[in-house]
Protein backbone atom coordinates (compact mmCIF):
# COMPACT_ATOMS: atom_id res chain seq x y z
CA UNK A 1 0.00 0.00 0.00
CA UNK A 2 1.38 3.47 -0.84
CA UNK A 3 2.88 5.51 1.98
CA UNK A 4 2.39 9.27 2.22
CA UNK A 5 3.98 11.94 4.38
CA UNK A 6 1.41 14.47 5.54
CA UNK A 7 2.11 17.89 7.08
CA UNK A 8 -0.61 19.32 9.33
CA UNK A 9 -0.96 22.41 11.52
CA UNK A 10 -3.86 24.07 13.30
CA UNK A 11 -4.63 27.65 12.29
CA UNK A 12 -6.54 28.35 15.53
CA UNK A 13 -3.56 27.26 17.63
CA UNK A 14 -1.20 29.20 15.38
CA UNK A 15 -3.26 32.38 15.82
CA UNK A 16 -3.36 32.02 19.62
CA UNK A 17 0.37 31.31 19.92
CA UNK A 18 1.46 34.07 17.55
CA UNK A 19 -0.76 36.64 19.25
CA UNK A 20 0.60 35.67 22.68
CA UNK A 21 -2.78 34.60 24.02
CA UNK A 22 -3.24 31.60 26.31
CA UNK A 23 -4.49 28.50 24.54
CA UNK A 24 -7.75 26.91 25.62
CA UNK A 25 -6.96 23.63 27.38
CA UNK A 26 -8.43 21.44 24.64
CA UNK A 27 -5.87 22.72 22.12
CA UNK A 28 -2.29 21.45 21.89
CA UNK A 29 0.43 24.06 21.29
CA UNK A 30 2.48 21.58 19.26
CA UNK A 31 0.08 22.16 16.35
CA UNK A 32 1.32 25.74 15.97
CA UNK A 33 4.08 24.22 13.86
CA UNK A 34 3.57 21.83 11.00
CA UNK A 35 3.69 18.25 12.24
CA UNK A 36 4.50 15.42 9.86
CA UNK A 37 2.84 12.02 9.88
CA UNK A 38 3.25 8.88 7.80
CA UNK A 39 -0.05 7.50 6.52
CA UNK A 40 -0.81 4.49 4.33
CA UNK A 41 -3.64 4.67 1.84
CA UNK A 42 -4.66 3.00 -1.41
CA UNK A 43 -4.73 6.38 -3.13
CA UNK A 44 -4.70 10.13 -2.53
CA UNK A 45 -8.48 10.54 -2.67
CA UNK A 46 -9.03 8.00 0.10
CA UNK A 47 -6.24 9.57 2.12
CA UNK A 48 -7.88 13.01 1.82
CA UNK A 49 -11.16 11.62 3.20
CA UNK A 50 -9.35 9.93 6.11
CA UNK A 51 -7.41 13.10 6.93
CA UNK A 52 -10.56 15.24 6.98
CA UNK A 53 -12.07 12.82 9.49
CA UNK A 54 -9.00 12.73 11.71
CA UNK A 55 -8.00 16.39 11.38
CA UNK A 56 -11.28 18.23 10.94
CA UNK A 57 -11.02 21.56 9.08
CA UNK A 58 -13.86 22.94 11.20
CA UNK A 59 -11.56 22.47 14.23
CA UNK A 60 -8.85 24.55 12.55
CA UNK A 61 -6.66 21.81 11.08
CA UNK A 62 -4.93 22.53 7.79
CA UNK A 63 -3.30 19.88 5.62
CA UNK A 64 -0.28 21.83 4.43
CA UNK A 65 1.29 19.14 2.27
CA UNK A 66 0.92 15.53 1.16
CA UNK A 67 3.78 13.71 -0.49
CA UNK A 68 3.82 10.12 -1.69
CA UNK A 69 7.02 8.60 -0.36
CA UNK A 70 6.66 4.96 -1.47
CA UNK A 71 4.47 2.59 -3.41
PDB file of N, CA and C in Angstrom:
ATOM      1  N   UNK A   1       0.852  -1.182   0.000  1.00  0.00           N
ATOM      2  CA  UNK A   1       0.000   0.000   0.000  1.00  0.00           C
ATOM      3  C   UNK A   1       0.896   1.242   0.000  1.00  0.00           C
ATOM      4  N   UNK A   2       0.566   2.243  -0.790  1.00  0.00           N
ATOM      5  CA  UNK A   2       1.377   3.468  -0.838  1.00  0.00           C
ATOM      6  C   UNK A   2       1.474   4.165   0.526  1.00  0.00           C
ATOM      7  N   UNK A   3       2.621   4.769   0.744  1.00  0.00           N
ATOM      8  CA  UNK A   3       2.877   5.506   1.980  1.00  0.00           C
ATOM      9  C   UNK A   3       3.028   6.986   1.643  1.00  0.00           C
ATOM     10  N   UNK A   4       2.362   7.820   2.425  1.00  0.00           N
ATOM     11  CA  UNK A   4       2.388   9.268   2.224  1.00  0.00           C
ATOM     12  C   UNK A   4       2.930   9.945   3.472  1.00  0.00           C
ATOM     13  N   UNK A   5       3.611  11.064   3.275  1.00  0.00           N
ATOM     14  CA  UNK A   5       3.983  11.939   4.380  1.00  0.00           C
ATOM     15  C   UNK A   5       3.051  13.142   4.325  1.00  0.00           C
ATOM     16  N   UNK A   6       2.434  13.430   5.463  1.00  0.00           N
ATOM     17  CA  UNK A   6       1.414  14.472   5.538  1.00  0.00           C
ATOM     18  C   UNK A   6       1.847  15.519   6.557  1.00  0.00           C
ATOM     19  N   UNK A   7       1.799  16.793   6.178  1.00  0.00           N
ATOM     20  CA  UNK A   7       2.111  17.893   7.083  1.00  0.00           C
ATOM     21  C   UNK A   7       0.843  18.612   7.495  1.00  0.00           C
ATOM     22  N   UNK A   8       0.634  18.747   8.809  1.00  0.00           N
ATOM     23  CA  UNK A   8      -0.611  19.323   9.329  1.00  0.00           C
ATOM     24  C   UNK A   8      -0.296  20.334  10.429  1.00  0.00           C
ATOM     25  N   UNK A   9      -1.010  21.451  10.405  1.00  0.00           N
ATOM     26  CA  UNK A   9      -0.959  22.408  11.518  1.00  0.00           C
ATOM     27  C   UNK A   9      -2.385  22.834  11.838  1.00  0.00           C
ATOM     28  N   UNK A  10      -2.535  23.585  12.925  1.00  0.00           N
ATOM     29  CA  UNK A  10      -3.857  24.075  13.303  1.00  0.00           C
ATOM     30  C   UNK A  10      -3.820  25.601  13.287  1.00  0.00           C
ATOM     31  N   UNK A  11      -4.656  26.196  12.440  1.00  0.00           N
ATOM     32  CA  UNK A  11      -4.633  27.652  12.290  1.00  0.00           C
ATOM     33  C   UNK A  11      -5.165  28.369  13.529  1.00  0.00           C
ATOM     34  N   UNK A  12      -6.038  27.741  14.295  1.00  0.00           N
ATOM     35  CA  UNK A  12      -6.540  28.350  15.526  1.00  0.00           C
ATOM     36  C   UNK A  12      -5.408  28.416  16.551  1.00  0.00           C
ATOM     37  N   UNK A  13      -4.692  27.302  16.705  1.00  0.00           N
ATOM     38  CA  UNK A  13      -3.556  27.261  17.628  1.00  0.00           C
ATOM     39  C   UNK A  13      -2.509  28.271  17.190  1.00  0.00           C
ATOM     40  N   UNK A  14      -2.213  28.280  15.916  1.00  0.00           N
ATOM     41  CA  UNK A  14      -1.198  29.195  15.379  1.00  0.00           C
ATOM     42  C   UNK A  14      -1.562  30.648  15.699  1.00  0.00           C
ATOM     43  N   UNK A  15      -2.821  31.011  15.530  1.00  0.00           N
ATOM     44  CA  UNK A  15      -3.257  32.381  15.818  1.00  0.00           C
ATOM     45  C   UNK A  15      -3.118  32.719  17.298  1.00  0.00           C
ATOM     46  N   UNK A  16      -3.504  31.788  18.178  1.00  0.00           N
ATOM     47  CA  UNK A  16      -3.363  32.019  19.619  1.00  0.00           C
ATOM     48  C   UNK A  16      -1.899  32.197  20.001  1.00  0.00           C
ATOM     49  N   UNK A  17      -1.053  31.281  19.556  1.00  0.00           N
ATOM     50  CA  UNK A  17       0.366  31.314  19.925  1.00  0.00           C
ATOM     51  C   UNK A  17       1.036  32.577  19.400  1.00  0.00           C
ATOM     52  N   UNK A  18       0.785  32.908  18.161  1.00  0.00           N
ATOM     53  CA  UNK A  18       1.457  34.066  17.555  1.00  0.00           C
ATOM     54  C   UNK A  18       0.958  35.399  18.100  1.00  0.00           C
ATOM     55  N   UNK A  19      -0.260  35.395  18.650  1.00  0.00           N
ATOM     56  CA  UNK A  19      -0.762  36.636  19.248  1.00  0.00           C
ATOM     57  C   UNK A  19      -0.403  36.732  20.734  1.00  0.00           C
ATOM     58  N   UNK A  20       0.187  35.664  21.284  1.00  0.00           N
ATOM     59  CA  UNK A  20       0.595  35.671  22.682  1.00  0.00           C
ATOM     60  C   UNK A  20      -0.508  35.344  23.661  1.00  0.00           C
ATOM     61  N   UNK A  21      -1.662  34.946  23.147  1.00  0.00           N
ATOM     62  CA  UNK A  21      -2.785  34.601  24.022  1.00  0.00           C
ATOM     63  C   UNK A  21      -2.620  33.194  24.576  1.00  0.00           C
ATOM     64  N   UNK A  22      -3.247  32.947  25.736  1.00  0.00           N
ATOM     65  CA  UNK A  22      -3.244  31.602  26.312  1.00  0.00           C
ATOM     66  C   UNK A  22      -4.166  30.700  25.505  1.00  0.00           C
ATOM     67  N   UNK A  23      -3.691  29.484  25.273  1.00  0.00           N
ATOM     68  CA  UNK A  23      -4.486  28.505  24.538  1.00  0.00           C
ATOM     69  C   UNK A  23      -5.573  27.919  25.421  1.00  0.00           C
ATOM     70  N   UNK A  24      -6.760  27.704  24.875  1.00  0.00           N
ATOM     71  CA  UNK A  24      -7.748  26.914  25.619  1.00  0.00           C
ATOM     72  C   UNK A  24      -7.164  25.511  25.876  1.00  0.00           C
ATOM     73  N   UNK A  25      -7.558  24.899  26.983  1.00  0.00           N
ATOM     74  CA  UNK A  25      -6.956  23.630  27.384  1.00  0.00           C
ATOM     75  C   UNK A  25      -7.137  22.509  26.375  1.00  0.00           C
ATOM     76  N   UNK A  26      -8.180  22.537  25.584  1.00  0.00           N
ATOM     77  CA  UNK A  26      -8.435  21.435  24.642  1.00  0.00           C
ATOM     78  C   UNK A  26      -7.549  21.517  23.392  1.00  0.00           C
ATOM     79  N   UNK A  27      -6.772  22.579  23.263  1.00  0.00           N
ATOM     80  CA  UNK A  27      -5.874  22.721  22.117  1.00  0.00           C
ATOM     81  C   UNK A  27      -4.435  22.431  22.522  1.00  0.00           C
ATOM     82  N   UNK A  28      -3.683  21.822  21.611  1.00  0.00           N
ATOM     83  CA  UNK A  28      -2.292  21.455  21.886  1.00  0.00           C
ATOM     84  C   UNK A  28      -1.354  22.395  21.136  1.00  0.00           C
ATOM     85  N   UNK A  29      -0.468  23.065  21.871  1.00  0.00           N
ATOM     86  CA  UNK A  29       0.432  24.063  21.291  1.00  0.00           C
ATOM     87  C   UNK A  29       1.358  23.480  20.232  1.00  0.00           C
ATOM     88  N   UNK A  30       1.583  22.176  20.250  1.00  0.00           N
ATOM     89  CA  UNK A  30       2.479  21.582  19.256  1.00  0.00           C
ATOM     90  C   UNK A  30       1.959  21.769  17.832  1.00  0.00           C
ATOM     91  N   UNK A  31       0.651  21.980  17.683  1.00  0.00           N
ATOM     92  CA  UNK A  31       0.078  22.156  16.349  1.00  0.00           C
ATOM     93  C   UNK A  31       0.260  23.565  15.795  1.00  0.00           C
ATOM     94  N   UNK A  32       0.978  24.422  16.523  1.00  0.00           N
ATOM     95  CA  UNK A  32       1.323  25.737  15.971  1.00  0.00           C
ATOM     96  C   UNK A  32       2.287  25.549  14.802  1.00  0.00           C
ATOM     97  N   UNK A  33       3.143  24.574  14.932  1.00  0.00           N
ATOM     98  CA  UNK A  33       4.081  24.222  13.856  1.00  0.00           C
ATOM     99  C   UNK A  33       3.490  23.098  13.020  1.00  0.00           C
ATOM    100  N   UNK A  34       4.008  22.934  11.837  1.00  0.00           N
ATOM    101  CA  UNK A  34       3.567  21.826  10.996  1.00  0.00           C
ATOM    102  C   UNK A  34       4.159  20.532  11.533  1.00  0.00           C
ATOM    103  N   UNK A  35       3.279  19.579  11.787  1.00  0.00           N
ATOM    104  CA  UNK A  35       3.694  18.254  12.237  1.00  0.00           C
ATOM    105  C   UNK A  35       3.563  17.287  11.069  1.00  0.00           C
ATOM    106  N   UNK A  36       4.478  16.352  10.987  1.00  0.00           N
ATOM    107  CA  UNK A  36       4.495  15.419   9.861  1.00  0.00           C
ATOM    108  C   UNK A  36       4.159  14.009  10.337  1.00  0.00           C
ATOM    109  N   UNK A  37       3.302  13.358   9.574  1.00  0.00           N
ATOM    110  CA  UNK A  37       2.841  12.016   9.883  1.00  0.00           C
ATOM    111  C   UNK A  37       2.987  11.140   8.652  1.00  0.00           C
ATOM    112  N   UNK A  38       3.253   9.868   8.877  1.00  0.00           N
ATOM    113  CA  UNK A  38       3.247   8.882   7.795  1.00  0.00           C
ATOM    114  C   UNK A  38       1.875   8.208   7.802  1.00  0.00           C
ATOM    115  N   UNK A  39       1.265   8.118   6.642  1.00  0.00           N
ATOM    116  CA  UNK A  39      -0.053   7.496   6.516  1.00  0.00           C
ATOM    117  C   UNK A  39      -0.079   6.599   5.281  1.00  0.00           C
ATOM    118  N   UNK A  40      -0.613   5.390   5.459  1.00  0.00           N
ATOM    119  CA  UNK A  40      -0.810   4.492   4.328  1.00  0.00           C
ATOM    120  C   UNK A  40      -2.219   4.675   3.778  1.00  0.00           C
ATOM    121  N   UNK A  41      -2.334   4.574   2.471  1.00  0.00           N
ATOM    122  CA  UNK A  41      -3.642   4.666   1.845  1.00  0.00           C
ATOM    123  C   UNK A  41      -3.553   4.117   0.424  1.00  0.00           C
ATOM    124  N   UNK A  42      -4.648   3.555  -0.046  1.00  0.00           N
ATOM    125  CA  UNK A  42      -4.663   2.997  -1.411  1.00  0.00           C
ATOM    126  C   UNK A  42      -4.429   4.069  -2.464  1.00  0.00           C
ATOM    127  N   UNK A  43      -4.948   5.277  -2.189  1.00  0.00           N
ATOM    128  CA  UNK A  43      -4.734   6.381  -3.133  1.00  0.00           C
ATOM    129  C   UNK A  43      -4.937   7.708  -2.411  1.00  0.00           C
ATOM    130  N   UNK A  44      -4.644   8.776  -3.114  1.00  0.00           N
ATOM    131  CA  UNK A  44      -4.697  10.127  -2.527  1.00  0.00           C
ATOM    132  C   UNK A  44      -6.119  10.526  -2.145  1.00  0.00           C
ATOM    133  N   UNK A  45      -7.092  10.161  -2.948  1.00  0.00           N
ATOM    134  CA  UNK A  45      -8.481  10.540  -2.665  1.00  0.00           C
ATOM    135  C   UNK A  45      -8.962   9.925  -1.351  1.00  0.00           C
ATOM    136  N   UNK A  46      -8.649   8.656  -1.145  1.00  0.00           N
ATOM    137  CA  UNK A  46      -9.033   7.996   0.105  1.00  0.00           C
ATOM    138  C   UNK A  46      -8.287   8.620   1.275  1.00  0.00           C
ATOM    139  N   UNK A  47      -7.027   8.919   1.071  1.00  0.00           N
ATOM    140  CA  UNK A  47      -6.242   9.568   2.118  1.00  0.00           C
ATOM    141  C   UNK A  47      -6.859  10.909   2.508  1.00  0.00           C
ATOM    142  N   UNK A  48      -7.267  11.697   1.528  1.00  0.00           N
ATOM    143  CA  UNK A  48      -7.875  13.006   1.818  1.00  0.00           C
ATOM    144  C   UNK A  48      -9.120  12.856   2.694  1.00  0.00           C
ATOM    145  N   UNK A  49      -9.946  11.860   2.409  1.00  0.00           N
ATOM    146  CA  UNK A  49     -11.156  11.620   3.203  1.00  0.00           C
ATOM    147  C   UNK A  49     -10.775  11.242   4.637  1.00  0.00           C
ATOM    148  N   UNK A  50      -9.797  10.351   4.777  1.00  0.00           N
ATOM    149  CA  UNK A  50      -9.349   9.932   6.111  1.00  0.00           C
ATOM    150  C   UNK A  50      -8.792  11.111   6.905  1.00  0.00           C
ATOM    151  N   UNK A  51      -8.001  11.946   6.240  1.00  0.00           N
ATOM    152  CA  UNK A  51      -7.410  13.097   6.933  1.00  0.00           C
ATOM    153  C   UNK A  51      -8.466  14.081   7.396  1.00  0.00           C
ATOM    154  N   UNK A  52      -9.493  14.305   6.578  1.00  0.00           N
ATOM    155  CA  UNK A  52     -10.563  15.235   6.976  1.00  0.00           C
ATOM    156  C   UNK A  52     -11.356  14.714   8.160  1.00  0.00           C
ATOM    157  N   UNK A  53     -11.412  13.394   8.318  1.00  0.00           N
ATOM    158  CA  UNK A  53     -12.073  12.820   9.487  1.00  0.00           C
ATOM    159  C   UNK A  53     -11.208  12.948  10.738  1.00  0.00           C
ATOM    160  N   UNK A  54      -9.912  12.701  10.572  1.00  0.00           N
ATOM    161  CA  UNK A  54      -9.001  12.729  11.714  1.00  0.00           C
ATOM    162  C   UNK A  54      -8.617  14.154  12.122  1.00  0.00           C
ATOM    163  N   UNK A  55      -8.408  15.005  11.147  1.00  0.00           N
ATOM    164  CA  UNK A  55      -7.997  16.393  11.384  1.00  0.00           C
ATOM    165  C   UNK A  55      -9.052  17.307  10.751  1.00  0.00           C
ATOM    166  N   UNK A  56     -10.116  17.521  11.474  1.00  0.00           N
ATOM    167  CA  UNK A  56     -11.281  18.232  10.937  1.00  0.00           C
ATOM    168  C   UNK A  56     -10.983  19.708  10.652  1.00  0.00           C
ATOM    169  N   UNK A  57     -11.221  20.150   9.412  1.00  0.00           N
ATOM    170  CA  UNK A  57     -11.015  21.563   9.078  1.00  0.00           C
ATOM    171  C   UNK A  57     -11.838  22.510   9.957  1.00  0.00           C
ATOM    172  N   UNK A  58     -13.014  22.084  10.362  1.00  0.00           N
ATOM    173  CA  UNK A  58     -13.861  22.942  11.204  1.00  0.00           C
ATOM    174  C   UNK A  58     -13.203  23.198  12.568  1.00  0.00           C
ATOM    175  N   UNK A  59     -12.292  22.304  12.974  1.00  0.00           N
ATOM    176  CA  UNK A  59     -11.561  22.474  14.230  1.00  0.00           C
ATOM    177  C   UNK A  59     -10.245  23.224  14.031  1.00  0.00           C
ATOM    178  N   UNK A  60     -10.016  23.723  12.813  1.00  0.00           N
ATOM    179  CA  UNK A  60      -8.847  24.552  12.545  1.00  0.00           C
ATOM    180  C   UNK A  60      -7.668  23.847  11.898  1.00  0.00           C
ATOM    181  N   UNK A  61      -7.796  22.539  11.658  1.00  0.00           N
ATOM    182  CA  UNK A  61      -6.663  21.808  11.081  1.00  0.00           C
ATOM    183  C   UNK A  61      -6.514  22.099   9.594  1.00  0.00           C
ATOM    184  N   UNK A  62      -5.264  22.249   9.182  1.00  0.00           N
ATOM    185  CA  UNK A  62      -4.932  22.533   7.791  1.00  0.00           C
ATOM    186  C   UNK A  62      -3.922  21.488   7.322  1.00  0.00           C
ATOM    187  N   UNK A  63      -4.252  20.810   6.229  1.00  0.00           N
ATOM    188  CA  UNK A  63      -3.298  19.884   5.618  1.00  0.00           C
ATOM    189  C   UNK A  63      -2.416  20.734   4.710  1.00  0.00           C
ATOM    190  N   UNK A  64      -1.186  20.945   5.148  1.00  0.00           N
ATOM    191  CA  UNK A  64      -0.277  21.827   4.425  1.00  0.00           C
ATOM    192  C   UNK A  64       0.371  21.141   3.232  1.00  0.00           C
ATOM    193  N   UNK A  65       0.657  19.845   3.378  1.00  0.00           N
ATOM    194  CA  UNK A  65       1.292  19.136   2.271  1.00  0.00           C
ATOM    195  C   UNK A  65       1.032  17.642   2.380  1.00  0.00           C
ATOM    196  N   UNK A  66       1.017  16.987   1.239  1.00  0.00           N
ATOM    197  CA  UNK A  66       0.921  15.533   1.155  1.00  0.00           C
ATOM    198  C   UNK A  66       1.897  15.097   0.086  1.00  0.00           C
ATOM    199  N   UNK A  67       2.801  14.197   0.463  1.00  0.00           N
ATOM    200  CA  UNK A  67       3.781  13.711  -0.489  1.00  0.00           C
ATOM    201  C   UNK A  67       3.826  12.189  -0.445  1.00  0.00           C
ATOM    202  N   UNK A  68       3.695  11.568  -1.598  1.00  0.00           N
ATOM    203  CA  UNK A  68       3.817  10.122  -1.689  1.00  0.00           C
ATOM    204  C   UNK A  68       5.292   9.758  -1.570  1.00  0.00           C
ATOM    205  N   UNK A  69       5.616   8.907  -0.585  1.00  0.00           N
ATOM    206  CA  UNK A  69       7.024   8.598  -0.360  1.00  0.00           C
ATOM    207  C   UNK A  69       7.385   7.161  -0.753  1.00  0.00           C
ATOM    208  N   UNK A  70       6.378   6.308  -0.952  1.00  0.00           N
ATOM    209  CA  UNK A  70       6.658   4.960  -1.467  1.00  0.00           C
ATOM    210  C   UNK A  70       5.386   4.326  -1.996  1.00  0.00           C
ATOM    211  N   UNK A  71       5.603   3.349  -2.868  1.00  0.00           N
ATOM    212  CA  UNK A  71       4.471   2.586  -3.407  1.00  0.00           C
ATOM    213  C   UNK A  71       4.310   1.367  -2.557  1.00  0.00           C
TER     214      UNK A  71
END
